[in-house]
Amino acid sequence: MFQSLKRIMAALCVLCLLLSGCSGNKKEEQTKENEKIEITENSVYLVPENPTACMKSAYDELSKALTSGDDKAEAQALAKLFVSDFFTLSNKKADTDVGGLNYVPSDVYEDMEVYARFYFYNNYSAIKTDLGEDQLPTVKEVTVNNTEEASITYDNQNYDGYKVSVEIAYEDTKAEDLKESAVLSVIKIDDYDYETLKDLNSGELEETPMPKTLMRVIALS
């Protein structure tokens, strides 16, 4: 598990460089904050909090892939959902509000949260202070360029998975050095939602529920 977590941390090292050297001002689109995006939840994946239109689109694709049983489409949709949630800061309330964590393995949820807060979301306050809250980045579109089948090692086990290459486009912002492309490693495993795992480990559940079989993002570069 330790080696696996080290791989995840190493793969995500690039995130600390994504938002820096920001300056400027933005004067439009305040209606976006008041706009409520409705998502129809499926029985497998948790709905992202305060979803944007891009997150809704990716989540809808995820639901469609589940219905069709298309693993490749499911991996692509999950990659898009993770990227649009993680790299969007405009819908976050603070630098402790890390997106995308519901789509990584639940046993590394807390480590990923701490890492993201200190090496990526620390830019949240700087952007709000230097540029204004309306300059916090919003992922507008995630485009899948390539998807390759791959053997991926996680927690000392090999899994059949996918390497999903994406391009990332943002709404207008003065924030600079945004991540514009990424490659995600995605596998299908049996896993619990983080809150379920937490309750299970604390002994709060009378019965042990069955884990879900679903895709998880293992690494991003």
Protein backbone atom coordinates (compact mmCIF):
# COMPACT_ATOMS: atom_id res chain seq x y z
CA MET A 1 0.00 0.00 0.00
CA PHE A 2 2.87 2.36 0.89
CA GLN A 3 4.53 1.84 -2.49
CA SER A 4 1.22 2.37 -4.22
CA LEU A 5 0.64 5.63 -2.36
CA LYS A 6 4.15 6.79 -3.23
CA ARG A 7 3.35 6.22 -6.90
CA ILE A 8 0.19 8.29 -6.62
CA MET A 9 2.03 11.12 -4.84
CA ALA A 10 4.85 11.09 -7.39
CA ALA A 11 2.39 11.12 -10.28
CA LEU A 12 0.58 14.09 -8.78
CA CYS A 13 3.72 16.13 -8.01
CA VAL A 14 3.06 18.26 -11.07
CA LEU A 15 -0.07 19.66 -9.48
CA CYS A 16 1.82 21.99 -7.16
CA LEU A 17 2.98 23.99 -10.22
CA LEU A 18 -0.35 24.43 -11.93
CA LEU A 19 -1.48 27.78 -10.59
CA SER A 20 1.16 30.46 -9.97
CA GLY A 21 2.22 33.95 -11.01
CA CYS A 22 -1.34 35.22 -11.35
CA SER A 23 -2.39 38.81 -12.06
CA GLY A 24 -5.32 40.71 -13.58
CA ASN A 25 -9.10 41.13 -13.23
CA LYS A 26 -12.37 39.72 -14.59
CA LYS A 27 -15.67 41.56 -14.79
CA GLU A 28 -18.43 39.22 -15.90
CA GLU A 29 -20.41 36.05 -15.25
CA GLN A 30 -21.78 36.42 -11.76
CA THR A 31 -24.93 34.55 -12.71
CA LYS A 32 -22.88 31.35 -12.81
CA GLU A 33 -22.73 31.25 -9.02
CA ASN A 34 -26.49 31.33 -8.68
CA GLU A 35 -27.03 28.69 -11.33
CA LYS A 36 -27.98 25.31 -9.87
CA ILE A 37 -26.87 22.32 -11.92
CA GLU A 38 -29.10 19.30 -11.42
CA ILE A 39 -27.64 15.81 -11.84
CA THR A 40 -29.52 12.51 -11.85
CA GLU A 41 -27.51 10.20 -9.58
CA ASN A 42 -26.63 6.65 -10.58
CA SER A 43 -26.26 3.81 -8.10
CA VAL A 44 -22.47 3.48 -8.43
CA TYR A 45 -20.71 6.87 -8.49
CA LEU A 46 -21.22 9.75 -6.07
CA VAL A 47 -22.39 13.03 -7.59
CA PRO A 48 -19.78 15.84 -7.31
CA GLU A 49 -20.58 18.67 -4.93
CA ASN A 50 -21.61 22.01 -6.47
CA PRO A 51 -21.27 20.57 -9.98
CA THR A 52 -20.50 22.69 -13.02
CA ALA A 53 -21.98 22.07 -16.46
CA CYS A 54 -18.78 20.23 -17.42
CA MET A 55 -19.06 17.93 -14.39
CA LYS A 56 -22.70 17.22 -15.18
CA SER A 57 -21.82 16.32 -18.75
CA ALA A 58 -19.07 13.93 -17.61
CA TYR A 59 -21.31 12.38 -14.96
CA ASP A 60 -24.08 11.83 -17.51
CA GLU A 61 -21.54 10.10 -19.75
CA LEU A 62 -20.56 7.92 -16.79
CA SER A 63 -24.17 6.90 -16.21
CA LYS A 64 -24.59 6.09 -19.90
CA ALA A 65 -21.43 3.95 -19.90
CA LEU A 66 -22.68 2.04 -16.85
CA THR A 67 -25.95 1.29 -18.62
CA SER A 68 -24.19 0.06 -21.76
CA GLY A 69 -21.49 -1.86 -19.87
CA ASP A 70 -18.74 -0.16 -21.88
CA ASP A 71 -15.61 -0.18 -19.68
CA LYS A 72 -13.59 2.02 -22.03
CA ALA A 73 -16.30 4.68 -22.12
CA GLU A 74 -16.63 4.43 -18.34
CA ALA A 75 -12.88 5.04 -17.88
CA GLN A 76 -12.98 8.01 -20.25
CA ALA A 77 -15.99 9.55 -18.51
CA LEU A 78 -14.44 9.08 -15.06
CA ALA A 79 -11.21 10.72 -16.23
CA LYS A 80 -13.21 13.70 -17.48
CA LEU A 81 -15.20 13.90 -14.25
CA PHE A 82 -12.11 13.75 -12.04
CA VAL A 83 -10.24 16.38 -14.05
CA SER A 84 -13.19 18.77 -14.24
CA ASP A 85 -13.79 18.47 -10.47
CA PHE A 86 -10.18 18.60 -9.30
CA PHE A 87 -9.03 21.50 -11.48
CA THR A 88 -12.14 23.65 -10.99
CA LEU A 89 -11.69 26.02 -8.04
CA SER A 90 -14.57 28.41 -8.68
CA ASN A 91 -17.13 26.10 -7.04
CA LYS A 92 -14.99 25.44 -3.97
CA LYS A 93 -15.63 27.20 -0.65
CA ALA A 94 -12.06 27.08 0.68
CA ASP A 95 -8.64 25.59 0.05
CA THR A 96 -9.73 22.62 2.16
CA ASP A 97 -12.52 21.82 -0.32
CA VAL A 98 -10.66 19.42 -2.63
CA GLY A 99 -12.51 18.10 -5.68
CA GLY A 100 -12.32 14.69 -7.29
CA LEU A 101 -11.47 12.69 -4.17
CA ASN A 102 -14.56 10.51 -4.50
CA TYR A 103 -13.02 9.05 -7.65
CA VAL A 104 -9.70 7.84 -6.18
CA PRO A 105 -9.39 4.66 -4.08
CA SER A 106 -11.05 5.29 -0.73
CA ASP A 107 -8.07 4.05 1.28
CA VAL A 108 -5.88 6.89 -0.06
CA TYR A 109 -8.61 9.55 0.16
CA GLU A 110 -7.17 11.29 3.23
CA ASP A 111 -3.57 11.26 1.98
CA MET A 112 -4.67 12.68 -1.36
CA GLU A 113 -6.68 15.38 0.41
CA VAL A 114 -3.68 16.51 2.46
CA TYR A 115 -1.36 16.42 -0.55
CA ALA A 116 -3.74 18.40 -2.76
CA ARG A 117 -4.35 21.02 -0.06
CA PHE A 118 -0.68 21.75 0.48
CA TYR A 119 0.64 21.43 -3.06
CA PHE A 120 -2.21 22.63 -5.25
CA TYR A 121 -5.14 24.15 -3.42
CA ASN A 122 -2.78 26.47 -1.53
CA ASN A 123 -3.11 28.67 -4.64
CA TYR A 124 -6.82 29.11 -3.94
CA SER A 125 -6.33 31.92 -1.40
CA ALA A 126 -3.66 33.63 -3.50
CA ILE A 127 -5.95 33.83 -6.51
CA LYS A 128 -8.85 35.16 -4.43
CA THR A 129 -6.62 37.76 -2.78
CA ASP A 130 -4.60 38.87 -5.81
CA LEU A 131 -7.18 38.56 -8.59
CA GLY A 132 -10.57 38.24 -6.96
CA GLU A 133 -12.92 35.32 -6.44
CA ASP A 134 -14.32 35.60 -9.95
CA GLN A 135 -10.90 34.60 -11.32
CA LEU A 136 -10.88 31.14 -9.72
CA PRO A 137 -10.50 28.67 -12.61
CA THR A 138 -13.46 26.73 -14.02
CA VAL A 139 -12.87 23.76 -16.30
CA LYS A 140 -15.09 24.35 -19.32
CA GLU A 141 -14.34 21.22 -21.34
CA VAL A 142 -12.28 18.03 -21.07
CA THR A 143 -11.50 16.33 -24.39
CA VAL A 144 -10.22 12.76 -24.58
CA ASN A 145 -7.43 12.53 -27.15
CA ASN A 146 -6.38 8.94 -26.71
CA THR A 147 -7.26 5.89 -24.63
CA GLU A 148 -4.98 2.88 -24.41
CA GLU A 149 -5.52 -0.43 -22.66
CA ALA A 150 -2.78 -1.00 -20.09
CA SER A 151 -1.68 -3.29 -17.28
CA ILE A 152 -1.59 -1.07 -14.19
CA THR A 153 -0.12 -1.99 -10.81
CA TYR A 154 -1.93 -0.83 -7.69
CA ASP A 155 -1.40 -2.05 -4.13
CA ASN A 156 0.97 -4.78 -5.35
CA GLN A 157 -1.61 -6.17 -7.77
CA ASN A 158 -1.82 -5.90 -11.54
CA TYR A 159 -5.09 -4.71 -13.08
CA ASP A 160 -6.33 -4.36 -16.62
CA GLY A 161 -6.99 -0.68 -17.03
CA TYR A 162 -6.66 2.33 -19.28
CA LYS A 163 -4.34 5.26 -19.83
CA VAL A 164 -6.61 8.17 -20.75
CA SER A 165 -5.03 11.26 -22.33
CA VAL A 166 -7.08 14.47 -22.08
CA GLU A 167 -6.92 18.14 -22.99
CA ILE A 168 -8.37 20.69 -20.57
CA ALA A 169 -10.01 24.00 -21.52
CA TYR A 170 -11.03 26.68 -19.01
CA GLU A 171 -13.51 29.52 -18.80
CA ASP A 172 -11.87 32.95 -19.19
CA THR A 173 -9.58 33.70 -16.25
CA LYS A 174 -6.47 35.75 -15.53
CA ALA A 175 -5.00 32.84 -13.57
CA GLU A 176 -1.89 31.56 -15.32
CA ASP A 177 -0.03 28.27 -15.78
CA LEU A 178 -3.15 26.13 -15.69
CA LYS A 179 -2.86 22.42 -16.42
CA GLU A 180 -3.95 22.00 -20.05
CA SER A 181 -3.28 18.31 -20.64
CA ALA A 182 -3.02 15.17 -18.54
CA VAL A 183 -2.71 11.40 -18.68
CA LEU A 184 -4.76 9.44 -16.15
CA SER A 185 -4.34 5.80 -15.12
CA VAL A 186 -7.75 4.26 -14.46
CA ILE A 187 -8.59 0.76 -13.21
CA LYS A 188 -11.74 -1.09 -12.16
CA ILE A 189 -11.67 -2.41 -8.59
CA ASP A 190 -13.99 -3.34 -5.74
CA ASP A 191 -14.07 -0.34 -3.41
CA TYR A 192 -16.20 1.49 -0.87
CA ASP A 193 -17.17 5.14 -0.90
CA TYR A 194 -14.91 6.97 1.55
CA GLU A 195 -17.63 7.68 4.13
CA THR A 196 -18.70 4.03 4.07
CA LEU A 197 -15.10 2.89 4.58
CA LYS A 198 -14.72 5.34 7.47
CA ASP A 199 -17.87 4.04 9.19
CA LEU A 200 -16.74 0.47 8.56
CA ASN A 201 -13.32 1.06 10.11
CA SER A 202 -14.81 2.82 13.14
CA GLY A 203 -17.19 -0.08 13.80
CA GLU A 204 -20.29 2.07 13.30
CA LEU A 205 -21.89 -0.34 10.82
CA GLU A 206 -23.71 -3.38 12.17
CA GLU A 207 -23.31 -5.27 8.91
CA THR A 208 -20.45 -5.21 6.41
CA PRO A 209 -21.83 -3.92 3.11
CA MET A 210 -20.69 -5.23 -0.23
CA PRO A 211 -18.16 -2.97 -1.98
CA LYS A 212 -19.00 -1.44 -5.32
CA THR A 213 -17.25 -2.55 -8.51
CA LEU A 214 -16.20 0.68 -10.19
CA MET A 215 -13.45 2.68 -11.84
CA ARG A 216 -10.86 4.57 -9.81
CA VAL A 217 -8.20 7.11 -10.84
CA ILE A 218 -4.85 5.71 -9.72
CA ALA A 219 -2.42 8.33 -11.10
CA LEU A 220 -2.31 11.56 -13.05
CA SER A 221 0.62 13.11 -14.87
